[in-house]
Amino acid sequence: MGLATALKRTSTPAEVVHVIAVLAKDRASYMTGAIVAADGGRTAI
């Protein structure tokens, strides 16, 4: 699985949690309306 991504693998749950944790921090409070794709580069292909 994951062969359709640029990284050629699926993510681990921890990798997705790290992205969510960064966005939940106060440092990301100025971000609005952004889409952050934690998809291993799949949308770039």
PDB file of N, CA and C in Angstrom:
ATOM      1  N   MET A   1       0.835  -1.197   0.000  1.00  0.00           N
ATOM      2  CA  MET A   1       0.000   0.000   0.000  1.00  0.00           C
ATOM      3  C   MET A   1       0.868   1.245   0.000  1.00  0.00           C
ATOM      4  N   GLY A   2       0.286   2.342  -0.425  1.00  0.00           N
ATOM      5  CA  GLY A   2       1.011   3.598  -0.431  1.00  0.00           C
ATOM      6  C   GLY A   2       1.831   3.826  -1.682  1.00  0.00           C
ATOM      7  N   LEU A   3       1.768   2.905  -2.637  1.00  0.00           N
ATOM      8  CA  LEU A   3       2.577   3.050  -3.847  1.00  0.00           C
ATOM      9  C   LEU A   3       2.164   4.231  -4.704  1.00  0.00           C
ATOM     10  N   ALA A   4       0.968   4.772  -4.481  1.00  0.00           N
ATOM     11  CA  ALA A   4       0.505   5.928  -5.247  1.00  0.00           C
ATOM     12  C   ALA A   4       0.956   7.251  -4.635  1.00  0.00           C
ATOM     13  N   THR A   5       1.787   7.203  -3.604  1.00  0.00           N
ATOM     14  CA  THR A   5       2.301   8.427  -2.981  1.00  0.00           C
ATOM     15  C   THR A   5       3.744   8.666  -3.411  1.00  0.00           C
ATOM     16  N   ALA A   6       4.199   9.895  -3.301  1.00  0.00           N
ATOM     17  CA  ALA A   6       5.579  10.223  -3.653  1.00  0.00           C
ATOM     18  C   ALA A   6       6.571   9.503  -2.733  1.00  0.00           C
ATOM     19  N   LEU A   7       6.164   9.221  -1.500  1.00  0.00           N
ATOM     20  CA  LEU A   7       7.048   8.552  -0.544  1.00  0.00           C
ATOM     21  C   LEU A   7       6.991   7.029  -0.649  1.00  0.00           C
ATOM     22  N   LYS A   8       6.084   6.524  -1.467  1.00  0.00           N
ATOM     23  CA  LYS A   8       5.943   5.087  -1.732  1.00  0.00           C
ATOM     24  C   LYS A   8       5.655   4.257  -0.477  1.00  0.00           C
ATOM     25  N   ARG A   9       4.909   4.832   0.444  1.00  0.00           N
ATOM     26  CA  ARG A   9       4.521   4.107   1.657  1.00  0.00           C
ATOM     27  C   ARG A   9       3.332   4.807   2.289  1.00  0.00           C
ATOM     28  N   THR A  10       2.646   4.121   3.166  1.00  0.00           N
ATOM     29  CA  THR A  10       1.557   4.737   3.906  1.00  0.00           C
ATOM     30  C   THR A  10       2.132   5.410   5.144  1.00  0.00           C
ATOM     31  N   SER A  11       1.366   6.304   5.707  1.00  0.00           N
ATOM     32  CA  SER A  11       1.825   6.996   6.913  1.00  0.00           C
ATOM     33  C   SER A  11       1.551   6.143   8.145  1.00  0.00           C
ATOM     34  N   THR A  12       2.235   6.498   9.196  1.00  0.00           N
ATOM     35  CA  THR A  12       1.924   5.894  10.484  1.00  0.00           C
ATOM     36  C   THR A  12       0.947   6.835  11.179  1.00  0.00           C
ATOM     37  N   PRO A  13       0.160   6.327  12.099  1.00  0.00           N
ATOM     38  CA  PRO A  13      -0.728   7.222  12.842  1.00  0.00           C
ATOM     39  C   PRO A  13       0.040   8.349  13.541  1.00  0.00           C
ATOM     40  N   ALA A  14       1.228   8.059  14.015  1.00  0.00           N
ATOM     41  CA  ALA A  14       2.034   9.075  14.707  1.00  0.00           C
ATOM     42  C   ALA A  14       2.390  10.231  13.776  1.00  0.00           C
ATOM     43  N   GLU A  15       2.647   9.954  12.508  1.00  0.00           N
ATOM     44  CA  GLU A  15       2.990  11.019  11.559  1.00  0.00           C
ATOM     45  C   GLU A  15       1.821  11.970  11.361  1.00  0.00           C
ATOM     46  N   VAL A  16       0.624  11.443  11.290  1.00  0.00           N
ATOM     47  CA  VAL A  16      -0.560  12.284  11.138  1.00  0.00           C
ATOM     48  C   VAL A  16      -0.815  13.078  12.420  1.00  0.00           C
ATOM     49  N   VAL A  17      -0.618  12.449  13.555  1.00  0.00           N
ATOM     50  CA  VAL A  17      -0.799  13.126  14.843  1.00  0.00           C
ATOM     51  C   VAL A  17       0.171  14.303  14.968  1.00  0.00           C
ATOM     52  N   HIS A  18       1.397  14.158  14.481  1.00  0.00           N
ATOM     53  CA  HIS A  18       2.364  15.260  14.557  1.00  0.00           C
ATOM     54  C   HIS A  18       1.880  16.479  13.772  1.00  0.00           C
ATOM     55  N   VAL A  19       1.294  16.251  12.611  1.00  0.00           N
ATOM     56  CA  VAL A  19       0.757  17.364  11.812  1.00  0.00           C
ATOM     57  C   VAL A  19      -0.377  18.053  12.563  1.00  0.00           C
ATOM     58  N   ILE A  20      -1.274  17.275  13.128  1.00  0.00           N
ATOM     59  CA  ILE A  20      -2.390  17.833  13.881  1.00  0.00           C
ATOM     60  C   ILE A  20      -1.891  18.612  15.088  1.00  0.00           C
ATOM     61  N   ALA A  21      -0.884  18.083  15.772  1.00  0.00           N
ATOM     62  CA  ALA A  21      -0.333  18.746  16.957  1.00  0.00           C
ATOM     63  C   ALA A  21       0.268  20.101  16.607  1.00  0.00           C
ATOM     64  N   VAL A  22       0.958  20.185  15.488  1.00  0.00           N
ATOM     65  CA  VAL A  22       1.548  21.468  15.069  1.00  0.00           C
ATOM     66  C   VAL A  22       0.445  22.488  14.805  1.00  0.00           C
ATOM     67  N   LEU A  23      -0.614  22.063  14.128  1.00  0.00           N
ATOM     68  CA  LEU A  23      -1.701  22.985  13.796  1.00  0.00           C
ATOM     69  C   LEU A  23      -2.510  23.399  15.020  1.00  0.00           C
ATOM     70  N   ALA A  24      -2.487  22.590  16.055  1.00  0.00           N
ATOM     71  CA  ALA A  24      -3.250  22.891  17.268  1.00  0.00           C
ATOM     72  C   ALA A  24      -2.508  23.832  18.215  1.00  0.00           C
ATOM     73  N   LYS A  25      -1.237  24.077  17.959  1.00  0.00           N
ATOM     74  CA  LYS A  25      -0.438  24.935  18.843  1.00  0.00           C
ATOM     75  C   LYS A  25      -0.756  26.408  18.619  1.00  0.00           C
ATOM     76  N   ASP A  26      -0.462  27.200  19.623  1.00  0.00           N
ATOM     77  CA  ASP A  26      -0.677  28.645  19.533  1.00  0.00           C
ATOM     78  C   ASP A  26       0.118  29.282  18.401  1.00  0.00           C
ATOM     79  N   ARG A  27       1.255  28.721  18.054  1.00  0.00           N
ATOM     80  CA  ARG A  27       2.070  29.293  16.972  1.00  0.00           C
ATOM     81  C   ARG A  27       1.356  29.247  15.624  1.00  0.00           C
ATOM     82  N   ALA A  28       0.380  28.373  15.490  1.00  0.00           N
ATOM     83  CA  ALA A  28      -0.374  28.269  14.241  1.00  0.00           C
ATOM     84  C   ALA A  28      -1.667  29.074  14.297  1.00  0.00           C
ATOM     85  N   SER A  29      -1.812  29.914  15.301  1.00  0.00           N
ATOM     86  CA  SER A  29      -3.064  30.638  15.490  1.00  0.00           C
ATOM     87  C   SER A  29      -3.351  31.652  14.382  1.00  0.00           C
ATOM     88  N   TYR A  30      -2.362  32.041  13.614  1.00  0.00           N
ATOM     89  CA  TYR A  30      -2.579  33.007  12.540  1.00  0.00           C
ATOM     90  C   TYR A  30      -2.972  32.325  11.226  1.00  0.00           C
ATOM     91  N   MET A  31      -2.920  31.006  11.194  1.00  0.00           N
ATOM     92  CA  MET A  31      -3.333  30.267   9.995  1.00  0.00           C
ATOM     93  C   MET A  31      -4.852  30.236   9.913  1.00  0.00           C
ATOM     94  N   THR A  32      -5.365  30.569   8.763  1.00  0.00           N
ATOM     95  CA  THR A  32      -6.812  30.493   8.545  1.00  0.00           C
ATOM     96  C   THR A  32      -7.076  29.929   7.163  1.00  0.00           C
ATOM     97  N   GLY A  33      -8.019  29.045   7.073  1.00  0.00           N
ATOM     98  CA  GLY A  33      -8.456  28.529   5.790  1.00  0.00           C
ATOM     99  C   GLY A  33      -7.424  27.754   5.001  1.00  0.00           C
ATOM    100  N   ALA A  34      -6.428  27.214   5.658  1.00  0.00           N
ATOM    101  CA  ALA A  34      -5.394  26.459   4.951  1.00  0.00           C
ATOM    102  C   ALA A  34      -5.748  24.977   4.897  1.00  0.00           C
ATOM    103  N   ILE A  35      -5.376  24.347   3.817  1.00  0.00           N
ATOM    104  CA  ILE A  35      -5.503  22.905   3.704  1.00  0.00           C
ATOM    105  C   ILE A  35      -4.094  22.334   3.765  1.00  0.00           C
ATOM    106  N   VAL A  36      -3.849  21.522   4.747  1.00  0.00           N
ATOM    107  CA  VAL A  36      -2.542  20.897   4.909  1.00  0.00           C
ATOM    108  C   VAL A  36      -2.705  19.421   4.543  1.00  0.00           C
ATOM    109  N   ALA A  37      -2.075  19.014   3.479  1.00  0.00           N
ATOM    110  CA  ALA A  37      -2.192  17.634   3.012  1.00  0.00           C
ATOM    111  C   ALA A  37      -1.100  16.786   3.649  1.00  0.00           C
ATOM    112  N   ALA A  38      -1.489  15.940   4.556  1.00  0.00           N
ATOM    113  CA  ALA A  38      -0.551  14.993   5.167  1.00  0.00           C
ATOM    114  C   ALA A  38      -0.748  13.665   4.438  1.00  0.00           C
ATOM    115  N   ASP A  39      -0.349  13.652   3.159  1.00  0.00           N
ATOM    116  CA  ASP A  39      -0.672  12.511   2.313  1.00  0.00           C
ATOM    117  C   ASP A  39       0.546  11.904   1.630  1.00  0.00           C
ATOM    118  N   GLY A  40       1.726  12.198   2.131  1.00  0.00           N
ATOM    119  CA  GLY A  40       2.924  11.607   1.562  1.00  0.00           C
ATOM    120  C   GLY A  40       3.236  12.068   0.146  1.00  0.00           C
ATOM    121  N   GLY A  41       2.661  13.186  -0.238  1.00  0.00           N
ATOM    122  CA  GLY A  41       2.908  13.742  -1.574  1.00  0.00           C
ATOM    123  C   GLY A  41       1.924  13.262  -2.624  1.00  0.00           C
ATOM    124  N   ARG A  42       0.885  12.563  -2.226  1.00  0.00           N
ATOM    125  CA  ARG A  42      -0.063  12.026  -3.201  1.00  0.00           C
ATOM    126  C   ARG A  42      -0.739  13.112  -4.026  1.00  0.00           C
ATOM    127  N   THR A  43      -1.093  14.247  -3.404  1.00  0.00           N
ATOM    128  CA  THR A  43      -1.754  15.310  -4.160  1.00  0.00           C
ATOM    129  C   THR A  43      -0.797  16.018  -5.108  1.00  0.00           C
ATOM    130  N   ALA A  44       0.495  15.836  -4.928  1.00  0.00           N
ATOM    131  CA  ALA A  44       1.488  16.462  -5.805  1.00  0.00           C
ATOM    132  C   ALA A  44       1.722  15.661  -7.079  1.00  0.00           C
ATOM    133  N   ILE A  45       1.257  14.438  -7.086  1.00  0.00           N
ATOM    134  CA  ILE A  45       1.508  13.562  -8.246  1.00  0.00           C
ATOM    135  C   ILE A  45       0.420  13.766  -9.284  1.00  0.00           C
TER     136      ILE A  45
END
